[in-house]
N, C-alpha and C. Protein backbone atom coordinates (compact mmCIF):
# COMPACT_ATOMS: atom_id res chain seq x y z
N MET A 1 -8.73 13.09 1.94
CA MET A 1 -7.97 12.79 3.13
C MET A 1 -6.78 13.74 3.19
N THR A 2 -6.57 14.34 4.36
CA THR A 2 -5.44 15.25 4.50
C THR A 2 -4.16 14.46 4.76
N VAL A 3 -3.05 15.11 4.52
CA VAL A 3 -1.75 14.48 4.79
C VAL A 3 -1.65 14.16 6.28
N GLN A 4 -2.13 15.07 7.12
CA GLN A 4 -2.08 14.83 8.56
C GLN A 4 -2.88 13.60 8.95
N ASP A 5 -4.07 13.43 8.37
CA ASP A 5 -4.88 12.24 8.66
C ASP A 5 -4.15 10.98 8.23
N ALA A 6 -3.55 11.03 7.05
CA ALA A 6 -2.83 9.85 6.53
C ALA A 6 -1.64 9.51 7.42
N LEU A 7 -0.90 10.52 7.83
CA LEU A 7 0.27 10.26 8.68
C LEU A 7 -0.14 9.78 10.07
N ARG A 8 -1.22 10.34 10.61
CA ARG A 8 -1.72 9.89 11.91
C ARG A 8 -2.11 8.41 11.85
N ARG A 9 -2.83 8.06 10.80
CA ARG A 9 -3.26 6.68 10.63
C ARG A 9 -2.06 5.76 10.43
N ALA A 10 -1.08 6.19 9.65
CA ALA A 10 0.12 5.38 9.43
C ALA A 10 0.88 5.18 10.74
N ARG A 11 0.94 6.22 11.55
CA ARG A 11 1.60 6.10 12.86
C ARG A 11 0.87 5.06 13.72
N GLN A 12 -0.46 5.05 13.66
CA GLN A 12 -1.24 4.06 14.41
C GLN A 12 -0.92 2.65 13.93
N VAL A 13 -0.83 2.48 12.62
CA VAL A 13 -0.54 1.15 12.07
C VAL A 13 0.83 0.68 12.55
N VAL A 14 1.80 1.57 12.52
CA VAL A 14 3.15 1.20 12.99
C VAL A 14 3.10 0.85 14.47
N ALA A 15 2.42 1.66 15.27
CA ALA A 15 2.32 1.38 16.71
C ALA A 15 1.63 0.05 16.97
N ALA A 16 0.57 -0.24 16.23
CA ALA A 16 -0.16 -1.50 16.41
C ALA A 16 0.67 -2.69 15.94
N THR A 17 1.54 -2.47 14.95
CA THR A 17 2.42 -3.55 14.49
C THR A 17 3.47 -3.85 15.55
N ILE A 18 3.97 -2.81 16.18
CA ILE A 18 4.97 -2.98 17.25
C ILE A 18 4.33 -3.64 18.46
N ASN A 19 3.10 -3.25 18.78
CA ASN A 19 2.40 -3.77 19.95
C ASN A 19 1.02 -4.29 19.52
N PRO A 20 0.95 -5.55 19.08
CA PRO A 20 -0.32 -6.11 18.58
C PRO A 20 -1.48 -6.06 19.57
N LYS A 21 -1.20 -5.96 20.87
CA LYS A 21 -2.28 -5.88 21.86
C LYS A 21 -3.15 -4.64 21.62
N MET A 22 -2.56 -3.61 21.02
CA MET A 22 -3.33 -2.39 20.76
C MET A 22 -4.53 -2.68 19.86
N LEU A 23 -4.35 -3.57 18.90
CA LEU A 23 -5.46 -3.90 18.00
C LEU A 23 -6.60 -4.57 18.75
N SER A 24 -6.27 -5.50 19.62
CA SER A 24 -7.35 -6.19 20.33
C SER A 24 -8.06 -5.25 21.29
N VAL A 25 -7.32 -4.35 21.94
CA VAL A 25 -7.95 -3.38 22.84
C VAL A 25 -8.84 -2.44 22.04
N SER A 26 -8.36 -2.00 20.87
CA SER A 26 -9.17 -1.12 20.03
C SER A 26 -10.45 -1.81 19.59
N SER A 27 -10.34 -3.07 19.22
CA SER A 27 -11.51 -3.83 18.79
C SER A 27 -12.48 -4.02 19.95
N GLU A 28 -11.95 -4.35 21.13
CA GLU A 28 -12.81 -4.54 22.30
C GLU A 28 -13.51 -3.24 22.68
N THR A 29 -12.82 -2.13 22.53
CA THR A 29 -13.42 -0.84 22.84
C THR A 29 -14.54 -0.53 21.85
N ALA A 30 -14.30 -0.80 20.58
CA ALA A 30 -15.31 -0.51 19.55
C ALA A 30 -16.57 -1.33 19.76
N THR A 31 -16.43 -2.55 20.27
CA THR A 31 -17.60 -3.41 20.47
C THR A 31 -18.18 -3.27 21.87
N GLY A 32 -17.51 -2.46 22.72
CA GLY A 32 -17.99 -2.28 24.09
C GLY A 32 -17.61 -3.41 25.02
N ARG A 33 -16.67 -4.28 24.58
CA ARG A 33 -16.28 -5.41 25.41
C ARG A 33 -15.10 -5.11 26.33
N ALA A 34 -14.56 -3.90 26.29
CA ALA A 34 -13.43 -3.57 27.16
C ALA A 34 -13.89 -3.73 28.61
N GLU A 35 -12.98 -4.24 29.45
CA GLU A 35 -13.33 -4.62 30.82
C GLU A 35 -13.93 -3.49 31.64
N ASP A 36 -13.35 -2.31 31.57
CA ASP A 36 -13.88 -1.23 32.39
C ASP A 36 -13.80 0.10 31.64
N ALA A 37 -14.42 1.09 32.25
CA ALA A 37 -14.49 2.41 31.61
C ALA A 37 -13.10 3.01 31.42
N ARG A 38 -12.20 2.78 32.39
CA ARG A 38 -10.85 3.34 32.27
C ARG A 38 -10.12 2.74 31.08
N ALA A 39 -10.28 1.46 30.85
CA ALA A 39 -9.64 0.80 29.71
C ALA A 39 -10.20 1.37 28.41
N ARG A 40 -11.51 1.63 28.40
CA ARG A 40 -12.13 2.18 27.19
C ARG A 40 -11.58 3.58 26.89
N ARG A 41 -11.42 4.40 27.94
CA ARG A 41 -10.91 5.75 27.73
C ARG A 41 -9.45 5.74 27.30
N ALA A 42 -8.65 4.83 27.84
CA ALA A 42 -7.22 4.80 27.56
C ALA A 42 -6.88 4.15 26.23
N SER A 43 -7.78 3.35 25.73
CA SER A 43 -7.45 2.59 24.52
C SER A 43 -7.49 3.48 23.28
N PRO A 44 -6.70 3.11 22.28
CA PRO A 44 -6.71 3.88 21.04
C PRO A 44 -8.02 3.68 20.28
N ARG A 45 -8.41 4.67 19.54
CA ARG A 45 -9.60 4.57 18.70
C ARG A 45 -9.15 4.59 17.26
N PHE A 46 -8.92 3.44 16.72
CA PHE A 46 -8.43 3.31 15.35
C PHE A 46 -9.63 3.26 14.42
N ASP A 47 -9.75 4.24 13.54
CA ASP A 47 -10.88 4.24 12.62
C ASP A 47 -10.73 3.20 11.52
N TRP A 48 -9.57 2.59 11.41
CA TRP A 48 -9.32 1.59 10.38
C TRP A 48 -9.53 0.16 10.90
N VAL A 49 -9.94 0.05 12.18
CA VAL A 49 -10.29 -1.26 12.76
C VAL A 49 -11.80 -1.26 12.96
N ARG A 50 -12.46 -2.21 12.31
CA ARG A 50 -13.92 -2.31 12.41
C ARG A 50 -14.31 -2.90 13.77
N PRO A 51 -15.55 -2.74 14.15
CA PRO A 51 -16.00 -3.29 15.43
C PRO A 51 -15.78 -4.80 15.58
N ASP A 52 -15.78 -5.52 14.46
CA ASP A 52 -15.55 -6.97 14.55
C ASP A 52 -14.06 -7.32 14.61
N GLY A 53 -13.20 -6.29 14.61
CA GLY A 53 -11.76 -6.53 14.70
C GLY A 53 -11.06 -6.62 13.36
N SER A 54 -11.82 -6.64 12.27
CA SER A 54 -11.19 -6.71 10.95
C SER A 54 -10.66 -5.33 10.55
N VAL A 55 -9.74 -5.35 9.61
CA VAL A 55 -9.10 -4.12 9.15
C VAL A 55 -9.84 -3.57 7.93
N ASP A 56 -10.06 -2.27 7.91
CA ASP A 56 -10.70 -1.61 6.77
C ASP A 56 -9.62 -1.39 5.71
N VAL A 57 -9.49 -2.34 4.81
CA VAL A 57 -8.44 -2.31 3.78
C VAL A 57 -8.60 -1.09 2.87
N GLY A 58 -9.82 -0.74 2.55
CA GLY A 58 -10.06 0.42 1.69
C GLY A 58 -9.51 1.71 2.29
N LEU A 59 -9.75 1.90 3.58
CA LEU A 59 -9.26 3.10 4.26
C LEU A 59 -7.74 3.11 4.32
N LEU A 60 -7.14 1.96 4.60
CA LEU A 60 -5.67 1.90 4.65
C LEU A 60 -5.07 2.06 3.25
N THR A 61 -5.75 1.60 2.22
CA THR A 61 -5.28 1.81 0.85
C THR A 61 -5.29 3.30 0.52
N GLU A 62 -6.36 3.97 0.91
CA GLU A 62 -6.45 5.42 0.72
C GLU A 62 -5.32 6.14 1.47
N THR A 63 -5.04 5.67 2.67
CA THR A 63 -3.95 6.23 3.47
C THR A 63 -2.62 6.04 2.78
N LYS A 64 -2.39 4.85 2.26
CA LYS A 64 -1.13 4.55 1.55
C LYS A 64 -0.96 5.48 0.36
N GLU A 65 -2.03 5.69 -0.37
CA GLU A 65 -1.97 6.57 -1.55
C GLU A 65 -1.68 8.01 -1.15
N ALA A 66 -2.26 8.47 -0.05
CA ALA A 66 -1.99 9.83 0.42
C ALA A 66 -0.54 9.99 0.83
N ILE A 67 0.01 8.97 1.47
CA ILE A 67 1.42 9.02 1.88
C ILE A 67 2.33 8.98 0.65
N GLU A 68 1.96 8.21 -0.36
CA GLU A 68 2.76 8.17 -1.59
C GLU A 68 2.84 9.55 -2.23
N VAL A 69 1.74 10.30 -2.21
CA VAL A 69 1.76 11.67 -2.74
C VAL A 69 2.70 12.52 -1.90
N PHE A 70 2.62 12.36 -0.59
CA PHE A 70 3.46 13.15 0.31
C PHE A 70 4.95 12.85 0.10
N LEU A 71 5.27 11.64 -0.29
CA LEU A 71 6.66 11.25 -0.52
C LEU A 71 7.15 11.61 -1.92
N SER A 72 6.25 12.06 -2.77
CA SER A 72 6.63 12.36 -4.16
C SER A 72 7.13 13.80 -4.29
N ASP A 73 7.60 14.12 -5.46
CA ASP A 73 8.03 15.49 -5.72
C ASP A 73 6.85 16.45 -5.86
N ARG A 74 5.63 15.94 -5.81
CA ARG A 74 4.43 16.76 -5.87
C ARG A 74 3.91 17.13 -4.48
N ALA A 75 4.60 16.72 -3.44
CA ALA A 75 4.11 16.92 -2.08
C ALA A 75 3.81 18.39 -1.77
N ILE A 76 4.66 19.27 -2.21
CA ILE A 76 4.48 20.69 -1.92
C ILE A 76 3.15 21.22 -2.45
N LEU A 77 2.61 20.56 -3.47
CA LEU A 77 1.35 20.99 -4.05
C LEU A 77 0.14 20.54 -3.23
N HIS A 78 0.38 19.66 -2.26
CA HIS A 78 -0.73 19.07 -1.51
C HIS A 78 -0.76 19.45 -0.03
N VAL A 79 0.14 20.31 0.38
CA VAL A 79 0.14 20.74 1.78
C VAL A 79 -0.06 22.25 1.83
N GLY A 80 -0.71 22.68 2.85
CA GLY A 80 -0.94 24.11 3.00
C GLY A 80 0.28 24.82 3.56
N ARG A 81 0.16 26.12 3.63
CA ARG A 81 1.25 26.90 4.21
C ARG A 81 1.20 26.81 5.73
N ILE A 82 2.35 26.96 6.34
CA ILE A 82 2.47 26.90 7.79
C ILE A 82 1.97 28.21 8.38
N SER A 83 1.28 28.11 9.51
CA SER A 83 0.83 29.29 10.23
C SER A 83 1.70 29.43 11.48
N PRO A 84 2.81 30.16 11.40
CA PRO A 84 3.75 30.22 12.52
C PRO A 84 3.17 30.86 13.77
N SER A 85 2.15 31.69 13.64
CA SER A 85 1.58 32.36 14.81
C SER A 85 0.92 31.37 15.77
N SER A 86 0.61 30.18 15.30
CA SER A 86 -0.03 29.18 16.17
C SER A 86 0.98 28.28 16.88
N VAL A 87 2.28 28.57 16.71
CA VAL A 87 3.34 27.76 17.31
C VAL A 87 3.94 28.53 18.48
N GLU A 88 4.25 27.84 19.57
CA GLU A 88 4.87 28.45 20.76
C GLU A 88 6.15 29.18 20.35
N ALA A 89 6.44 30.32 20.98
CA ALA A 89 7.51 31.24 20.55
C ALA A 89 8.87 30.58 20.35
N GLY A 90 9.33 29.78 21.31
CA GLY A 90 10.64 29.13 21.18
C GLY A 90 10.70 28.19 19.99
N ARG A 91 9.70 27.39 19.85
CA ARG A 91 9.64 26.46 18.70
C ARG A 91 9.42 27.22 17.40
N ARG A 92 8.70 28.33 17.49
CA ARG A 92 8.43 29.13 16.29
C ARG A 92 9.73 29.69 15.72
N ARG A 93 10.65 30.12 16.59
CA ARG A 93 11.92 30.66 16.09
C ARG A 93 12.71 29.58 15.36
N GLU A 94 12.72 28.38 15.91
CA GLU A 94 13.39 27.27 15.21
C GLU A 94 12.73 27.02 13.86
N LEU A 95 11.41 27.01 13.86
CA LEU A 95 10.66 26.82 12.62
C LEU A 95 10.98 27.93 11.63
N SER A 96 11.02 29.16 12.11
CA SER A 96 11.32 30.30 11.24
C SER A 96 12.70 30.16 10.61
N GLU A 97 13.68 29.76 11.40
CA GLU A 97 15.03 29.57 10.85
C GLU A 97 15.03 28.49 9.78
N SER A 98 14.33 27.40 10.03
CA SER A 98 14.26 26.32 9.04
C SER A 98 13.61 26.79 7.75
N VAL A 99 12.53 27.54 7.88
CA VAL A 99 11.82 28.03 6.70
C VAL A 99 12.69 29.02 5.93
N VAL A 100 13.37 29.93 6.64
CA VAL A 100 14.24 30.90 5.97
C VAL A 100 15.36 30.17 5.24
N ARG A 101 15.96 29.19 5.91
CA ARG A 101 17.05 28.43 5.28
C ARG A 101 16.55 27.73 4.00
N MET A 102 15.39 27.10 4.09
CA MET A 102 14.84 26.39 2.93
C MET A 102 14.53 27.37 1.80
N ALA A 103 13.93 28.51 2.13
CA ALA A 103 13.60 29.50 1.11
C ALA A 103 14.86 30.02 0.44
N LEU A 104 15.89 30.32 1.23
CA LEU A 104 17.14 30.83 0.65
C LEU A 104 17.86 29.76 -0.16
N ASP A 105 17.80 28.52 0.28
CA ASP A 105 18.40 27.42 -0.49
C ASP A 105 17.78 27.35 -1.88
N ARG A 106 16.47 27.53 -1.93
CA ARG A 106 15.78 27.45 -3.23
C ARG A 106 16.10 28.64 -4.14
N LEU A 107 16.50 29.74 -3.53
CA LEU A 107 16.85 30.91 -4.33
C LEU A 107 18.28 30.84 -4.88
N GLY A 108 19.07 29.94 -4.36
CA GLY A 108 20.45 29.83 -4.83
C GLY A 108 21.41 30.57 -3.91
N ALA A 109 22.66 30.56 -4.30
CA ALA A 109 23.74 31.08 -3.44
C ALA A 109 23.84 32.60 -3.52
N ARG A 110 22.93 33.29 -2.87
CA ARG A 110 22.99 34.75 -2.79
C ARG A 110 23.34 35.12 -1.36
N ARG A 111 24.23 36.04 -1.20
CA ARG A 111 24.61 36.47 0.15
C ARG A 111 23.57 37.47 0.69
N ARG A 112 23.20 38.44 -0.11
CA ARG A 112 22.23 39.47 0.29
C ARG A 112 21.00 39.34 -0.60
N ILE A 113 19.84 39.55 0.02
CA ILE A 113 18.59 39.37 -0.73
C ILE A 113 17.63 40.52 -0.40
N SER A 114 16.91 40.98 -1.38
CA SER A 114 15.97 42.09 -1.14
C SER A 114 14.79 41.59 -0.31
N GLU A 115 14.17 42.54 0.40
CA GLU A 115 13.02 42.18 1.22
C GLU A 115 11.89 41.61 0.37
N ALA A 116 11.66 42.18 -0.79
CA ALA A 116 10.58 41.70 -1.67
C ALA A 116 10.83 40.26 -2.12
N THR A 117 12.07 39.95 -2.47
CA THR A 117 12.41 38.58 -2.90
C THR A 117 12.29 37.61 -1.73
N LEU A 118 12.78 38.03 -0.56
CA LEU A 118 12.67 37.18 0.63
C LEU A 118 11.20 36.93 0.96
N ASN A 119 10.38 37.97 0.92
CA ASN A 119 8.95 37.82 1.20
C ASN A 119 8.30 36.83 0.24
N ALA A 120 8.61 36.93 -1.03
CA ALA A 120 8.03 36.02 -2.03
C ALA A 120 8.47 34.59 -1.77
N ALA A 121 9.74 34.40 -1.42
CA ALA A 121 10.24 33.05 -1.14
C ALA A 121 9.58 32.48 0.12
N LEU A 122 9.45 33.29 1.16
CA LEU A 122 8.84 32.81 2.41
C LEU A 122 7.35 32.52 2.23
N ALA A 123 6.68 33.30 1.38
CA ALA A 123 5.24 33.13 1.18
C ALA A 123 4.88 31.78 0.59
N MET A 124 5.86 31.10 0.00
CA MET A 124 5.59 29.74 -0.50
C MET A 124 5.34 28.78 0.65
N PHE A 125 5.89 29.10 1.83
CA PHE A 125 5.84 28.17 2.96
C PHE A 125 4.97 28.63 4.12
N VAL A 126 4.87 29.93 4.35
CA VAL A 126 4.19 30.44 5.54
C VAL A 126 3.17 31.51 5.18
N ASP A 127 2.18 31.66 6.07
CA ASP A 127 1.16 32.68 5.81
C ASP A 127 1.48 34.02 6.46
N ASP A 128 2.51 34.09 7.29
CA ASP A 128 2.90 35.35 7.94
C ASP A 128 4.39 35.57 7.74
N VAL A 129 4.75 36.14 6.59
CA VAL A 129 6.17 36.31 6.25
C VAL A 129 6.86 37.30 7.19
N ALA A 130 6.14 38.33 7.64
CA ALA A 130 6.75 39.32 8.53
C ALA A 130 7.16 38.69 9.85
N LEU A 131 6.33 37.82 10.39
CA LEU A 131 6.65 37.15 11.65
C LEU A 131 7.88 36.26 11.50
N VAL A 132 7.95 35.52 10.42
CA VAL A 132 9.10 34.63 10.19
C VAL A 132 10.37 35.44 10.00
N ARG A 133 10.28 36.50 9.21
CA ARG A 133 11.44 37.38 9.00
C ARG A 133 11.92 37.96 10.33
N ARG A 134 10.98 38.49 11.11
CA ARG A 134 11.31 39.10 12.40
C ARG A 134 11.95 38.08 13.34
N ASP A 135 11.38 36.88 13.42
CA ASP A 135 11.98 35.83 14.26
C ASP A 135 13.42 35.55 13.85
N ALA A 136 13.66 35.46 12.54
CA ALA A 136 15.00 35.15 12.05
C ALA A 136 15.98 36.27 12.36
N VAL A 137 15.52 37.52 12.35
CA VAL A 137 16.39 38.65 12.68
C VAL A 137 16.64 38.69 14.19
N VAL A 138 15.59 38.54 14.99
CA VAL A 138 15.72 38.58 16.46
C VAL A 138 16.65 37.48 16.95
N SER A 139 16.58 36.30 16.35
CA SER A 139 17.42 35.19 16.78
C SER A 139 18.85 35.30 16.26
N GLY A 140 19.11 36.28 15.39
CA GLY A 140 20.45 36.46 14.85
C GLY A 140 20.75 35.60 13.63
N PHE A 141 19.76 34.94 13.12
CA PHE A 141 19.93 34.08 11.95
C PHE A 141 20.04 34.90 10.67
N LEU A 142 19.28 35.99 10.62
CA LEU A 142 19.34 36.94 9.50
C LEU A 142 19.73 38.30 10.04
N SER A 143 20.44 39.08 9.22
CA SER A 143 20.66 40.48 9.57
C SER A 143 19.89 41.33 8.57
N ARG A 144 19.43 42.47 9.04
CA ARG A 144 18.61 43.36 8.22
C ARG A 144 19.40 44.63 7.95
N SER A 145 19.35 45.12 6.73
CA SER A 145 20.04 46.37 6.42
C SER A 145 19.37 47.51 7.19
N PRO A 146 20.12 48.59 7.48
CA PRO A 146 19.54 49.70 8.26
C PRO A 146 18.26 50.27 7.65
N ASP A 147 18.15 50.28 6.34
CA ASP A 147 16.94 50.83 5.73
C ASP A 147 15.84 49.78 5.54
N GLY A 148 16.12 48.52 5.92
CA GLY A 148 15.12 47.45 5.85
C GLY A 148 14.86 46.91 4.46
N SER A 149 15.69 47.30 3.50
CA SER A 149 15.43 46.88 2.12
C SER A 149 16.04 45.54 1.76
N SER A 150 16.97 45.04 2.59
CA SER A 150 17.60 43.75 2.26
C SER A 150 17.99 43.00 3.53
N TYR A 151 18.22 41.71 3.33
CA TYR A 151 18.56 40.80 4.42
C TYR A 151 19.75 39.96 4.02
N GLU A 152 20.46 39.48 5.05
CA GLU A 152 21.63 38.65 4.80
C GLU A 152 21.66 37.52 5.83
N LEU A 153 22.00 36.33 5.37
CA LEU A 153 22.15 35.18 6.25
C LEU A 153 23.41 35.39 7.08
N VAL A 154 23.32 35.21 8.39
CA VAL A 154 24.43 35.48 9.29
C VAL A 154 25.16 34.19 9.63
N GLY A 155 26.48 34.21 9.57
CA GLY A 155 27.30 33.10 10.04
C GLY A 155 27.11 31.80 9.32
N VAL A 156 26.72 31.83 8.09
CA VAL A 156 26.53 30.59 7.34
C VAL A 156 27.43 30.59 6.13
């Protein structure tokens, strides 16, 4: 089970807890008892609710365990790297700044950092370090030395 699957399912459980009608609609949809086609299309499809309306405890237990891993100090070992090229440009720049800040925080209090060290730090989080670096420079978050050999965090 992926972390995304576990979090999606957990979000469904929270939503169904807030609005218990969601469970009955999901159950009615699974059994084909929903009043009309529009209700069937609009209703949530919870894979953890069986057609008879009962809850699949095994699946939710698996979900709980996946979330526990995500909340642990081992979480970084269970998630893949971010692919910033698949994110819309404006949001990608925000993401790039967050990733650069996190990478630099992990490196300690250095004002200037070599490109090779920055690349290695960014590669822990993203699959396209050049794109993240470029976004951070274009947005003014990082400054680049004239020869491109080092970078510096701006205004922090």
